[in-house]
Amino acid sequence: MSHTYLIDLYALIDERLKDITKENCRGEPTENEIFFRKGRSEVLTEFKEFLTDNYSSKLPRRIRNRYSVK
C-alpha cells in the first residue's frame, strides 16, 4: 500500500469521526440515530486501530507517530 493511500485513509477516518462528533452535538437524536452513530464510530475506530497495527510500520518513522491511534 502506498504511503499516500494510507495517509489519505487516516485523514478520511479522522474527518468522519469529527462529523459523528458534530452530529452528536446537534439536537436530540432518536434511539436509532444514537445506535447508528455509536456503531459507526466504533467501526471507524476499529479500522483505524487495524491500520495502525498492520500498516503503520510501513510508514517512514517521521510520519508514523503522527498517525498512531491515541
PDB file of N, CA and C in Angstrom:
ATOM      1  N   MET A   1       0.853  -1.178   0.000  1.00  0.00           N
ATOM      2  CA  MET A   1       0.000   0.000   0.000  1.00  0.00           C
ATOM      3  C   MET A   1       0.896   1.237   0.000  1.00  0.00           C
ATOM      4  N   SER A   2       0.568   2.153  -0.850  1.00  0.00           N
ATOM      5  CA  SER A   2       1.341   3.386  -0.957  1.00  0.00           C
ATOM      6  C   SER A   2       1.159   4.247   0.293  1.00  0.00           C
ATOM      7  N   HIS A   3       2.192   4.993   0.639  1.00  0.00           N
ATOM      8  CA  HIS A   3       2.115   5.869   1.812  1.00  0.00           C
ATOM      9  C   HIS A   3       0.987   6.877   1.672  1.00  0.00           C
ATOM     10  N   THR A   4       0.803   7.399   0.485  1.00  0.00           N
ATOM     11  CA  THR A   4      -0.232   8.425   0.303  1.00  0.00           C
ATOM     12  C   THR A   4      -1.623   7.854   0.511  1.00  0.00           C
ATOM     13  N   TYR A   5      -1.854   6.606   0.067  1.00  0.00           N
ATOM     14  CA  TYR A   5      -3.160   5.988   0.289  1.00  0.00           C
ATOM     15  C   TYR A   5      -3.422   5.798   1.773  1.00  0.00           C
ATOM     16  N   LEU A   6      -2.423   5.361   2.486  1.00  0.00           N
ATOM     17  CA  LEU A   6      -2.573   5.138   3.917  1.00  0.00           C
ATOM     18  C   LEU A   6      -2.823   6.451   4.651  1.00  0.00           C
ATOM     19  N   ILE A   7      -2.087   7.478   4.295  1.00  0.00           N
ATOM     20  CA  ILE A   7      -2.278   8.788   4.918  1.00  0.00           C
ATOM     21  C   ILE A   7      -3.659   9.337   4.584  1.00  0.00           C
ATOM     22  N   ASP A   8      -4.109   9.134   3.341  1.00  0.00           N
ATOM     23  CA  ASP A   8      -5.457   9.566   2.956  1.00  0.00           C
ATOM     24  C   ASP A   8      -6.527   8.822   3.750  1.00  0.00           C
ATOM     25  N   LEU A   9      -6.318   7.533   3.985  1.00  0.00           N
ATOM     26  CA  LEU A   9      -7.274   6.763   4.789  1.00  0.00           C
ATOM     27  C   LEU A   9      -7.349   7.301   6.218  1.00  0.00           C
ATOM     28  N   TYR A  10      -6.196   7.574   6.809  1.00  0.00           N
ATOM     29  CA  TYR A  10      -6.189   8.149   8.155  1.00  0.00           C
ATOM     30  C   TYR A  10      -6.947   9.478   8.185  1.00  0.00           C
ATOM     31  N   ALA A  11      -6.708  10.324   7.201  1.00  0.00           N
ATOM     32  CA  ALA A  11      -7.373  11.632   7.147  1.00  0.00           C
ATOM     33  C   ALA A  11      -8.876  11.468   6.975  1.00  0.00           C
ATOM     34  N   LEU A  12      -9.290  10.538   6.123  1.00  0.00           N
ATOM     35  CA  LEU A  12     -10.713  10.305   5.895  1.00  0.00           C
ATOM     36  C   LEU A  12     -11.399   9.780   7.152  1.00  0.00           C
ATOM     37  N   ILE A  13     -10.753   8.859   7.843  1.00  0.00           N
ATOM     38  CA  ILE A  13     -11.323   8.319   9.080  1.00  0.00           C
ATOM     39  C   ILE A  13     -11.450   9.418  10.125  1.00  0.00           C
ATOM     40  N   ASP A  14     -10.413  10.235  10.278  1.00  0.00           N
ATOM     41  CA  ASP A  14     -10.473  11.338  11.245  1.00  0.00           C
ATOM     42  C   ASP A  14     -11.590  12.314  10.903  1.00  0.00           C
ATOM     43  N   GLU A  15     -11.759  12.590   9.619  1.00  0.00           N
ATOM     44  CA  GLU A  15     -12.820  13.506   9.177  1.00  0.00           C
ATOM     45  C   GLU A  15     -14.200  12.933   9.499  1.00  0.00           C
ATOM     46  N   ARG A  16     -14.387  11.652   9.247  1.00  0.00           N
ATOM     47  CA  ARG A  16     -15.674  11.012   9.535  1.00  0.00           C
ATOM     48  C   ARG A  16     -15.953  10.978  11.036  1.00  0.00           C
ATOM     49  N   LEU A  17     -14.919  10.738  11.835  1.00  0.00           N
ATOM     50  CA  LEU A  17     -15.106  10.734  13.289  1.00  0.00           C
ATOM     51  C   LEU A  17     -15.486  12.126  13.793  1.00  0.00           C
ATOM     52  N   LYS A  18     -14.911  13.172  13.204  1.00  0.00           N
ATOM     53  CA  LYS A  18     -15.283  14.542  13.572  1.00  0.00           C
ATOM     54  C   LYS A  18     -16.724  14.827  13.187  1.00  0.00           C
ATOM     55  N   ASP A  19     -17.152  14.326  12.016  1.00  0.00           N
ATOM     56  CA  ASP A  19     -18.539  14.509  11.586  1.00  0.00           C
ATOM     57  C   ASP A  19     -19.507  13.858  12.569  1.00  0.00           C
ATOM     58  N   ILE A  20     -19.162  12.679  13.048  1.00  0.00           N
ATOM     59  CA  ILE A  20     -20.017  11.982  14.012  1.00  0.00           C
ATOM     60  C   ILE A  20     -20.106  12.785  15.299  1.00  0.00           C
ATOM     61  N   THR A  21     -18.985  13.345  15.746  1.00  0.00           N
ATOM     62  CA  THR A  21     -18.974  14.162  16.960  1.00  0.00           C
ATOM     63  C   THR A  21     -19.859  15.387  16.788  1.00  0.00           C
ATOM     64  N   LYS A  22     -19.787  16.023  15.624  1.00  0.00           N
ATOM     65  CA  LYS A  22     -20.637  17.189  15.355  1.00  0.00           C
ATOM     66  C   LYS A  22     -22.109  16.800  15.341  1.00  0.00           C
ATOM     67  N   GLU A  23     -22.432  15.650  14.747  1.00  0.00           N
ATOM     68  CA  GLU A  23     -23.818  15.185  14.696  1.00  0.00           C
ATOM     69  C   GLU A  23     -24.346  14.906  16.097  1.00  0.00           C
ATOM     70  N   ASN A  24     -23.493  14.401  16.972  1.00  0.00           N
ATOM     71  CA  ASN A  24     -23.920  14.101  18.337  1.00  0.00           C
ATOM     72  C   ASN A  24     -24.255  15.367  19.116  1.00  0.00           C
ATOM     73  N   CYS A  25     -23.657  16.482  18.740  1.00  0.00           N
ATOM     74  CA  CYS A  25     -23.885  17.744  19.442  1.00  0.00           C
ATOM     75  C   CYS A  25     -25.149  18.452  18.975  1.00  0.00           C
ATOM     76  N   ARG A  26     -25.685  18.054  17.833  1.00  0.00           N
ATOM     77  CA  ARG A  26     -26.861  18.725  17.278  1.00  0.00           C
ATOM     78  C   ARG A  26     -28.151  18.081  17.758  1.00  0.00           C
ATOM     79  N   GLY A  27     -29.070  18.896  18.229  1.00  0.00           N
ATOM     80  CA  GLY A  27     -30.432  18.461  18.540  1.00  0.00           C
ATOM     81  C   GLY A  27     -30.523  17.229  19.415  1.00  0.00           C
ATOM     82  N   GLU A  28     -31.723  16.661  19.422  1.00  0.00           N
ATOM     83  CA  GLU A  28     -31.969  15.438  20.176  1.00  0.00           C
ATOM     84  C   GLU A  28     -32.178  14.293  19.197  1.00  0.00           C
ATOM     85  N   PRO A  29     -31.201  13.416  19.073  1.00  0.00           N
ATOM     86  CA  PRO A  29     -31.329  12.304  18.127  1.00  0.00           C
ATOM     87  C   PRO A  29     -32.270  11.215  18.657  1.00  0.00           C
ATOM     88  N   THR A  30     -32.840  10.451  17.749  1.00  0.00           N
ATOM     89  CA  THR A  30     -33.683   9.325  18.133  1.00  0.00           C
ATOM     90  C   THR A  30     -32.789   8.180  18.595  1.00  0.00           C
ATOM     91  N   GLU A  31     -33.422   7.145  19.154  1.00  0.00           N
ATOM     92  CA  GLU A  31     -32.650   5.993  19.621  1.00  0.00           C
ATOM     93  C   GLU A  31     -31.900   5.332  18.471  1.00  0.00           C
ATOM     94  N   ASN A  32     -32.555   5.245  17.315  1.00  0.00           N
ATOM     95  CA  ASN A  32     -31.899   4.632  16.153  1.00  0.00           C
ATOM     96  C   ASN A  32     -30.686   5.432  15.709  1.00  0.00           C
ATOM     97  N   GLU A  33     -30.795   6.748  15.724  1.00  0.00           N
ATOM     98  CA  GLU A  33     -29.663   7.585  15.329  1.00  0.00           C
ATOM     99  C   GLU A  33     -28.503   7.423  16.302  1.00  0.00           C
ATOM    100  N   ILE A  34     -28.808   7.369  17.583  1.00  0.00           N
ATOM    101  CA  ILE A  34     -27.763   7.174  18.598  1.00  0.00           C
ATOM    102  C   ILE A  34     -27.063   5.836  18.372  1.00  0.00           C
ATOM    103  N   PHE A  35     -27.853   4.789  18.153  1.00  0.00           N
ATOM    104  CA  PHE A  35     -27.311   3.454  17.925  1.00  0.00           C
ATOM    105  C   PHE A  35     -26.448   3.435  16.668  1.00  0.00           C
ATOM    106  N   PHE A  36     -26.934   4.063  15.589  1.00  0.00           N
ATOM    107  CA  PHE A  36     -26.199   4.117  14.325  1.00  0.00           C
ATOM    108  C   PHE A  36     -24.879   4.862  14.492  1.00  0.00           C
ATOM    109  N   ARG A  37     -24.913   6.015  15.131  1.00  0.00           N
ATOM    110  CA  ARG A  37     -23.701   6.821  15.308  1.00  0.00           C
ATOM    111  C   ARG A  37     -22.671   6.108  16.172  1.00  0.00           C
ATOM    112  N   LYS A  38     -23.149   5.455  17.229  1.00  0.00           N
ATOM    113  CA  LYS A  38     -22.235   4.728  18.108  1.00  0.00           C
ATOM    114  C   LYS A  38     -21.559   3.591  17.342  1.00  0.00           C
ATOM    115  N   GLY A  39     -22.344   2.840  16.580  1.00  0.00           N
ATOM    116  CA  GLY A  39     -21.796   1.743  15.786  1.00  0.00           C
ATOM    117  C   GLY A  39     -20.826   2.236  14.732  1.00  0.00           C
ATOM    118  N   ARG A  40     -21.181   3.322  14.079  1.00  0.00           N
ATOM    119  CA  ARG A  40     -20.320   3.897  13.039  1.00  0.00           C
ATOM    120  C   ARG A  40     -18.990   4.343  13.638  1.00  0.00           C
ATOM    121  N   SER A  41     -19.063   4.983  14.793  1.00  0.00           N
ATOM    122  CA  SER A  41     -17.857   5.445  15.472  1.00  0.00           C
ATOM    123  C   SER A  41     -16.970   4.267  15.874  1.00  0.00           C
ATOM    124  N   GLU A  42     -17.578   3.205  16.394  1.00  0.00           N
ATOM    125  CA  GLU A  42     -16.811   2.035  16.810  1.00  0.00           C
ATOM    126  C   GLU A  42     -16.113   1.373  15.623  1.00  0.00           C
ATOM    127  N   VAL A  43     -16.826   1.250  14.507  1.00  0.00           N
ATOM    128  CA  VAL A  43     -16.242   0.617  13.324  1.00  0.00           C
ATOM    129  C   VAL A  43     -15.077   1.443  12.788  1.00  0.00           C
ATOM    130  N   LEU A  44     -15.252   2.752  12.720  1.00  0.00           N
ATOM    131  CA  LEU A  44     -14.170   3.609  12.229  1.00  0.00           C
ATOM    132  C   LEU A  44     -12.952   3.540  13.144  1.00  0.00           C
ATOM    133  N   THR A  45     -13.186   3.530  14.450  1.00  0.00           N
ATOM    134  CA  THR A  45     -12.082   3.443  15.407  1.00  0.00           C
ATOM    135  C   THR A  45     -11.365   2.102  15.286  1.00  0.00           C
ATOM    136  N   GLU A  46     -12.141   1.010  15.152  1.00  0.00           N
ATOM    137  CA  GLU A  46     -11.531  -0.308  14.992  1.00  0.00           C
ATOM    138  C   GLU A  46     -10.714  -0.390  13.703  1.00  0.00           C
ATOM    139  N   PHE A  47     -11.231   0.211  12.631  1.00  0.00           N
ATOM    140  CA  PHE A  47     -10.499   0.190  11.368  1.00  0.00           C
ATOM    141  C   PHE A  47      -9.204   0.987  11.475  1.00  0.00           C
ATOM    142  N   LYS A  48      -9.257   2.108  12.179  1.00  0.00           N
ATOM    143  CA  LYS A  48      -8.048   2.908  12.370  1.00  0.00           C
ATOM    144  C   LYS A  48      -7.024   2.125  13.199  1.00  0.00           C
ATOM    145  N   GLU A  49      -7.491   1.406  14.215  1.00  0.00           N
ATOM    146  CA  GLU A  49      -6.589   0.572  15.013  1.00  0.00           C
ATOM    147  C   GLU A  49      -5.972  -0.525  14.150  1.00  0.00           C
ATOM    148  N   PHE A  50      -6.789  -1.130  13.278  1.00  0.00           N
ATOM    149  CA  PHE A  50      -6.290  -2.164  12.367  1.00  0.00           C
ATOM    150  C   PHE A  50      -5.192  -1.610  11.463  1.00  0.00           C
ATOM    151  N   LEU A  51      -5.444  -0.447  10.889  1.00  0.00           N
ATOM    152  CA  LEU A  51      -4.435   0.177  10.026  1.00  0.00           C
ATOM    153  C   LEU A  51      -3.160   0.462  10.801  1.00  0.00           C
ATOM    154  N   THR A  52      -3.314   0.967  12.020  1.00  0.00           N
ATOM    155  CA  THR A  52      -2.148   1.285  12.842  1.00  0.00           C
ATOM    156  C   THR A  52      -1.353   0.026  13.170  1.00  0.00           C
ATOM    157  N   ASP A  53      -2.058  -1.030  13.562  1.00  0.00           N
ATOM    158  CA  ASP A  53      -1.381  -2.272  13.944  1.00  0.00           C
ATOM    159  C   ASP A  53      -0.689  -2.954  12.767  1.00  0.00           C
ATOM    160  N   ASN A  54      -1.301  -2.887  11.588  1.00  0.00           N
ATOM    161  CA  ASN A  54      -0.801  -3.670  10.461  1.00  0.00           C
ATOM    162  C   ASN A  54      -0.023  -2.891   9.410  1.00  0.00           C
ATOM    163  N   TYR A  55      -0.254  -1.592   9.311  1.00  0.00           N
ATOM    164  CA  TYR A  55       0.366  -0.849   8.216  1.00  0.00           C
ATOM    165  C   TYR A  55       1.223   0.335   8.642  1.00  0.00           C
ATOM    166  N   SER A  56       1.092   0.803   9.855  1.00  0.00           N
ATOM    167  CA  SER A  56       1.881   1.969  10.272  1.00  0.00           C
ATOM    168  C   SER A  56       3.374   1.691  10.246  1.00  0.00           C
ATOM    169  N   SER A  57       3.744   0.455  10.467  1.00  0.00           N
ATOM    170  CA  SER A  57       5.172   0.123  10.453  1.00  0.00           C
ATOM    171  C   SER A  57       5.781   0.317   9.065  1.00  0.00           C
ATOM    172  N   LYS A  58       4.946   0.387   8.048  1.00  0.00           N
ATOM    173  CA  LYS A  58       5.430   0.586   6.686  1.00  0.00           C
ATOM    174  C   LYS A  58       5.627   2.068   6.343  1.00  0.00           C
ATOM    175  N   LEU A  59       5.142   2.941   7.220  1.00  0.00           N
ATOM    176  CA  LEU A  59       5.337   4.378   7.012  1.00  0.00           C
ATOM    177  C   LEU A  59       6.730   4.786   7.481  1.00  0.00           C
ATOM    178  N   PRO A  60       7.284   5.832   6.907  1.00  0.00           N
ATOM    179  CA  PRO A  60       8.554   6.356   7.426  1.00  0.00           C
ATOM    180  C   PRO A  60       8.387   6.806   8.881  1.00  0.00           C
ATOM    181  N   ARG A  61       9.433   6.668   9.669  1.00  0.00           N
ATOM    182  CA  ARG A  61       9.363   6.970  11.100  1.00  0.00           C
ATOM    183  C   ARG A  61       8.870   8.377  11.405  1.00  0.00           C
ATOM    184  N   ARG A  62       9.286   9.341  10.636  1.00  0.00           N
ATOM    185  CA  ARG A  62       8.903  10.729  10.923  1.00  0.00           C
ATOM    186  C   ARG A  62       7.407  10.965  10.715  1.00  0.00           C
ATOM    187  N   ILE A  63       6.766  10.127   9.907  1.00  0.00           N
ATOM    188  CA  ILE A  63       5.329  10.261   9.659  1.00  0.00           C
ATOM    189  C   ILE A  63       4.528   9.350  10.586  1.00  0.00           C
ATOM    190  N   ARG A  64       5.085   8.221  10.955  1.00  0.00           N
ATOM    191  CA  ARG A  64       4.380   7.185  11.703  1.00  0.00           C
ATOM    192  C   ARG A  64       3.742   7.693  12.995  1.00  0.00           C
ATOM    193  N   ASN A  65       4.452   8.470  13.788  1.00  0.00           N
ATOM    194  CA  ASN A  65       3.937   8.932  15.081  1.00  0.00           C
ATOM    195  C   ASN A  65       2.729   9.841  14.938  1.00  0.00           C
ATOM    196  N   ARG A  66       2.655  10.554  13.855  1.00  0.00           N
ATOM    197  CA  ARG A  66       1.546  11.476  13.628  1.00  0.00           C
ATOM    198  C   ARG A  66       0.215  10.735  13.471  1.00  0.00           C
ATOM    199  N   TYR A  67       0.249   9.489  12.981  1.00  0.00           N
ATOM    200  CA  TYR A  67      -0.975   8.759  12.669  1.00  0.00           C
ATOM    201  C   TYR A  67      -1.242   7.586  13.597  1.00  0.00           C
ATOM    202  N   SER A  68      -0.615   7.568  14.748  1.00  0.00           N
ATOM    203  CA  SER A  68      -0.873   6.482  15.685  1.00  0.00           C
ATOM    204  C   SER A  68      -2.204   6.713  16.390  1.00  0.00           C
ATOM    205  N   VAL A  69      -2.854   5.624  16.789  1.00  0.00           N
ATOM    206  CA  VAL A  69      -4.135   5.712  17.493  1.00  0.00           C
ATOM    207  C   VAL A  69      -3.876   6.194  18.897  1.00  0.00           C
ATOM    208  N   LYS A  70      -4.666   7.162  19.323  1.00  0.00           N
ATOM    209  CA  LYS A  70      -4.466   7.745  20.649  1.00  0.00           C
ATOM    210  C   LYS A  70      -5.502   7.243  21.607  1.00  0.00           C
TER     211      LYS A  70
END
